Amino acid sequence: MDGEPGEPLPVWRTWPIGIRVVVRRRLDEGGYSDVLGHLLAADDDGVLVETRRGEVHVPADRIAIGKIVPEPPIRQGPAGAAPHTTASSGL
């Protein structure tokens, strides 16, 4: 998938390595599947994304669409729960 001079880069080629992305890929059996995680590599051949289940390579000809997404929110404990401490009261 070598681009011609002056041809715009595919959107995934503009993403910085390490950013969190979602890539919608076309499946062989029809339909689509989303790959969500941190971008490890991007080139004319496609993208490599680190997901919760491991590394996933999505070939360029399977990428339907993709975008940069924000990091997930930091999970808080249950509402009203006392903060965990490790100090001993000495009693």
N, C-alpha and C. Protein backbone atom coordinates (compact mmCIF):
# COMPACT_ATOMS: atom_id res chain seq x y z
N MET A 1 0.83 -1.18 0.00
CA MET A 1 0.00 0.00 0.00
C MET A 1 0.88 1.24 0.00
N ASP A 2 1.80 1.30 -0.89
CA ASP A 2 2.67 2.47 -1.00
C ASP A 2 1.87 3.63 -1.56
N GLY A 3 1.93 4.75 -0.86
CA GLY A 3 1.19 5.93 -1.30
C GLY A 3 1.92 6.63 -2.42
N GLU A 4 1.17 7.26 -3.28
CA GLU A 4 1.73 8.07 -4.34
C GLU A 4 2.15 9.41 -3.75
N PRO A 5 3.13 10.07 -4.35
CA PRO A 5 3.51 11.39 -3.86
C PRO A 5 2.31 12.34 -3.86
N GLY A 6 2.13 13.06 -2.78
CA GLY A 6 1.02 13.98 -2.66
C GLY A 6 -0.27 13.34 -2.16
N GLU A 7 -0.30 12.01 -2.11
CA GLU A 7 -1.49 11.31 -1.60
C GLU A 7 -1.50 11.40 -0.08
N PRO A 8 -2.66 11.73 0.52
CA PRO A 8 -2.69 11.86 1.98
C PRO A 8 -2.45 10.51 2.66
N LEU A 9 -1.82 10.57 3.83
CA LEU A 9 -1.57 9.36 4.61
C LEU A 9 -2.88 8.82 5.17
N PRO A 10 -2.99 7.51 5.33
CA PRO A 10 -4.16 6.97 6.05
C PRO A 10 -4.16 7.55 7.46
N VAL A 11 -5.34 7.73 8.04
CA VAL A 11 -5.46 8.39 9.34
C VAL A 11 -4.59 7.72 10.41
N TRP A 12 -4.49 6.40 10.39
CA TRP A 12 -3.71 5.73 11.44
C TRP A 12 -2.22 6.03 11.35
N ARG A 13 -1.74 6.49 10.21
CA ARG A 13 -0.33 6.84 10.08
C ARG A 13 -0.02 8.16 10.77
N THR A 14 -1.04 8.92 11.13
CA THR A 14 -0.84 10.21 11.80
C THR A 14 -0.91 10.08 13.32
N TRP A 15 -1.31 8.90 13.83
CA TRP A 15 -1.46 8.70 15.27
C TRP A 15 -0.10 8.53 15.94
N PRO A 16 0.13 9.17 17.09
CA PRO A 16 1.39 8.95 17.81
C PRO A 16 1.41 7.58 18.49
N ILE A 17 2.55 6.93 18.45
CA ILE A 17 2.72 5.64 19.11
C ILE A 17 2.44 5.81 20.60
N GLY A 18 1.71 4.86 21.19
CA GLY A 18 1.40 4.90 22.61
C GLY A 18 0.02 5.46 22.93
N ILE A 19 -0.60 6.12 21.95
CA ILE A 19 -1.92 6.71 22.17
C ILE A 19 -2.98 5.59 22.21
N ARG A 20 -4.07 5.85 22.90
CA ARG A 20 -5.17 4.87 22.98
C ARG A 20 -6.09 5.08 21.78
N VAL A 21 -6.39 3.97 21.08
CA VAL A 21 -7.18 4.05 19.85
C VAL A 21 -8.24 2.95 19.83
N VAL A 22 -9.21 3.15 18.95
CA VAL A 22 -10.14 2.10 18.60
C VAL A 22 -10.10 1.99 17.07
N VAL A 23 -9.99 0.74 16.59
CA VAL A 23 -9.92 0.47 15.16
C VAL A 23 -11.04 -0.52 14.83
N ARG A 24 -11.90 -0.14 13.90
CA ARG A 24 -12.95 -1.06 13.44
C ARG A 24 -12.40 -1.81 12.24
N ARG A 25 -12.41 -3.15 12.36
CA ARG A 25 -11.86 -3.97 11.28
C ARG A 25 -12.95 -4.83 10.64
N ARG A 26 -12.78 -5.07 9.35
CA ARG A 26 -13.70 -5.93 8.61
C ARG A 26 -13.32 -7.39 8.89
N LEU A 27 -14.33 -8.22 9.14
CA LEU A 27 -14.11 -9.64 9.41
C LEU A 27 -14.29 -10.45 8.13
N ASP A 28 -13.56 -11.58 8.03
CA ASP A 28 -13.66 -12.46 6.87
C ASP A 28 -15.09 -12.94 6.65
N GLU A 29 -15.78 -13.27 7.75
CA GLU A 29 -17.14 -13.82 7.65
C GLU A 29 -18.20 -12.73 7.47
N GLY A 30 -17.78 -11.49 7.33
CA GLY A 30 -18.70 -10.37 7.20
C GLY A 30 -18.85 -9.68 8.54
N GLY A 31 -19.25 -8.47 8.52
CA GLY A 31 -19.41 -7.70 9.75
C GLY A 31 -18.10 -7.05 10.16
N TYR A 32 -18.13 -6.54 11.38
CA TYR A 32 -17.00 -5.77 11.89
C TYR A 32 -16.70 -6.16 13.33
N SER A 33 -15.50 -5.83 13.77
CA SER A 33 -15.08 -6.03 15.15
C SER A 33 -14.19 -4.85 15.53
N ASP A 34 -14.32 -4.38 16.77
CA ASP A 34 -13.51 -3.26 17.23
C ASP A 34 -12.31 -3.76 18.02
N VAL A 35 -11.18 -3.12 17.80
CA VAL A 35 -9.94 -3.38 18.54
C VAL A 35 -9.64 -2.11 19.33
N LEU A 36 -9.60 -2.23 20.67
CA LEU A 36 -9.39 -1.09 21.55
C LEU A 36 -8.12 -1.31 22.36
N GLY A 37 -7.24 -0.33 22.34
CA GLY A 37 -6.02 -0.44 23.13
C GLY A 37 -5.02 0.64 22.75
N HIS A 38 -3.77 0.41 23.13
CA HIS A 38 -2.71 1.38 22.87
C HIS A 38 -1.94 1.00 21.62
N LEU A 39 -1.69 1.99 20.79
CA LEU A 39 -1.01 1.80 19.52
C LEU A 39 0.47 1.49 19.75
N LEU A 40 0.91 0.35 19.23
CA LEU A 40 2.31 -0.05 19.34
C LEU A 40 3.08 0.27 18.06
N ALA A 41 2.41 0.17 16.91
CA ALA A 41 3.06 0.43 15.62
C ALA A 41 2.00 0.77 14.59
N ALA A 42 2.38 1.58 13.62
CA ALA A 42 1.50 1.94 12.51
C ALA A 42 2.36 2.18 11.28
N ASP A 43 2.01 1.52 10.18
CA ASP A 43 2.71 1.73 8.92
C ASP A 43 1.74 1.46 7.78
N ASP A 44 2.26 1.41 6.56
CA ASP A 44 1.39 1.19 5.41
C ASP A 44 0.72 -0.17 5.44
N ASP A 45 1.26 -1.11 6.21
CA ASP A 45 0.69 -2.46 6.28
C ASP A 45 -0.46 -2.56 7.28
N GLY A 46 -0.62 -1.57 8.15
CA GLY A 46 -1.69 -1.60 9.13
C GLY A 46 -1.23 -1.12 10.48
N VAL A 47 -1.90 -1.61 11.54
CA VAL A 47 -1.58 -1.19 12.90
C VAL A 47 -1.38 -2.39 13.81
N LEU A 48 -0.62 -2.18 14.87
CA LEU A 48 -0.44 -3.15 15.94
C LEU A 48 -0.92 -2.48 17.21
N VAL A 49 -1.93 -3.10 17.86
CA VAL A 49 -2.55 -2.51 19.04
C VAL A 49 -2.42 -3.47 20.22
N GLU A 50 -2.00 -2.94 21.38
CA GLU A 50 -1.93 -3.72 22.61
C GLU A 50 -3.29 -3.63 23.29
N THR A 51 -4.04 -4.75 23.31
CA THR A 51 -5.36 -4.79 23.93
C THR A 51 -5.24 -5.51 25.27
N ARG A 52 -6.36 -5.62 25.98
CA ARG A 52 -6.37 -6.36 27.25
C ARG A 52 -5.99 -7.82 27.05
N ARG A 53 -6.26 -8.33 25.87
CA ARG A 53 -6.00 -9.75 25.57
C ARG A 53 -4.67 -9.99 24.86
N GLY A 54 -3.92 -8.94 24.63
CA GLY A 54 -2.63 -9.08 23.96
C GLY A 54 -2.55 -8.23 22.71
N GLU A 55 -1.48 -8.44 21.95
CA GLU A 55 -1.25 -7.66 20.74
C GLU A 55 -2.14 -8.14 19.59
N VAL A 56 -2.70 -7.18 18.87
CA VAL A 56 -3.55 -7.48 17.72
C VAL A 56 -3.06 -6.68 16.53
N HIS A 57 -2.73 -7.39 15.44
CA HIS A 57 -2.35 -6.72 14.19
C HIS A 57 -3.59 -6.62 13.31
N VAL A 58 -3.87 -5.42 12.84
CA VAL A 58 -4.98 -5.20 11.91
C VAL A 58 -4.38 -4.76 10.58
N PRO A 59 -4.48 -5.63 9.55
CA PRO A 59 -3.95 -5.25 8.24
C PRO A 59 -4.67 -4.03 7.67
N ALA A 60 -3.94 -3.24 6.91
CA ALA A 60 -4.49 -2.00 6.34
C ALA A 60 -5.75 -2.25 5.53
N ASP A 61 -5.80 -3.33 4.79
CA ASP A 61 -6.97 -3.57 3.94
C ASP A 61 -8.20 -4.01 4.74
N ARG A 62 -8.04 -4.24 6.04
CA ARG A 62 -9.16 -4.61 6.92
C ARG A 62 -9.66 -3.44 7.76
N ILE A 63 -8.91 -2.33 7.79
CA ILE A 63 -9.31 -1.19 8.61
C ILE A 63 -10.45 -0.45 7.92
N ALA A 64 -11.60 -0.41 8.60
CA ALA A 64 -12.75 0.32 8.07
C ALA A 64 -12.70 1.77 8.53
N ILE A 65 -12.37 1.98 9.80
CA ILE A 65 -12.32 3.32 10.40
C ILE A 65 -11.58 3.20 11.72
N GLY A 66 -11.10 4.29 12.22
CA GLY A 66 -10.43 4.29 13.52
C GLY A 66 -10.33 5.71 14.04
N LYS A 67 -10.09 5.80 15.35
CA LYS A 67 -9.92 7.12 15.95
C LYS A 67 -9.18 7.00 17.27
N ILE A 68 -8.65 8.14 17.69
CA ILE A 68 -8.02 8.25 19.01
C ILE A 68 -9.13 8.37 20.04
N VAL A 69 -8.99 7.66 21.16
CA VAL A 69 -9.99 7.72 22.22
C VAL A 69 -9.31 8.09 23.54
N PRO A 70 -10.06 8.69 24.46
CA PRO A 70 -9.45 9.07 25.75
C PRO A 70 -9.14 7.85 26.61
N GLU A 71 -8.24 8.04 27.55
CA GLU A 71 -7.95 6.99 28.53
C GLU A 71 -9.21 6.74 29.36
N PRO A 72 -9.38 5.51 29.86
CA PRO A 72 -10.56 5.25 30.69
C PRO A 72 -10.45 6.01 32.00
N PRO A 73 -11.60 6.33 32.61
CA PRO A 73 -11.55 7.03 33.89
C PRO A 73 -10.94 6.14 34.97
N ILE A 74 -10.33 6.75 35.95
CA ILE A 74 -9.76 6.00 37.07
C ILE A 74 -10.92 5.53 37.94
N ARG A 75 -10.94 4.24 38.21
CA ARG A 75 -12.04 3.68 39.00
C ARG A 75 -11.86 4.04 40.47
N GLN A 76 -12.96 4.45 41.08
CA GLN A 76 -13.00 4.78 42.50
C GLN A 76 -13.60 3.59 43.24
N GLY A 77 -13.36 3.54 44.53
CA GLY A 77 -13.98 2.51 45.35
C GLY A 77 -15.46 2.78 45.48
N PRO A 78 -16.18 1.90 46.17
CA PRO A 78 -17.62 2.10 46.37
C PRO A 78 -17.88 3.43 47.08
N ALA A 79 -18.98 4.06 46.74
CA ALA A 79 -19.33 5.34 47.35
C ALA A 79 -19.44 5.20 48.85
N GLY A 80 -18.84 6.13 49.58
CA GLY A 80 -18.93 6.11 51.03
C GLY A 80 -17.93 5.20 51.71
N ALA A 81 -17.12 4.48 50.96
CA ALA A 81 -16.14 3.58 51.57
C ALA A 81 -15.01 4.39 52.18
N ALA A 82 -14.56 3.97 53.35
CA ALA A 82 -13.44 4.65 54.00
C ALA A 82 -12.17 4.34 53.24
N PRO A 83 -11.27 5.32 53.12
CA PRO A 83 -10.00 5.05 52.43
C PRO A 83 -9.20 4.00 53.18
N HIS A 84 -8.50 3.18 52.42
CA HIS A 84 -7.67 2.12 53.00
C HIS A 84 -6.40 2.73 53.57
N THR A 85 -6.06 2.37 54.80
CA THR A 85 -4.82 2.84 55.41
C THR A 85 -4.00 1.65 55.84
N THR A 86 -2.70 1.85 55.91
CA THR A 86 -1.80 0.76 56.34
C THR A 86 -1.18 1.06 57.68
N ALA A 87 -1.46 2.23 58.24
CA ALA A 87 -0.86 2.59 59.54
C ALA A 87 -1.55 1.84 60.66
N SER A 88 -0.79 1.43 61.65
CA SER A 88 -1.32 0.72 62.80
C SER A 88 -1.69 1.74 63.89
N SER A 89 -2.77 1.49 64.58
CA SER A 89 -3.18 2.41 65.63
C SER A 89 -2.40 2.19 66.92
N GLY A 90 -1.68 1.08 67.03
CA GLY A 90 -0.88 0.80 68.21
C GLY A 90 -1.69 0.29 69.37
N LEU A 91 -2.98 -0.01 69.20
CA LEU A 91 -3.80 -0.52 70.30
C LEU A 91 -3.78 -2.00 70.38
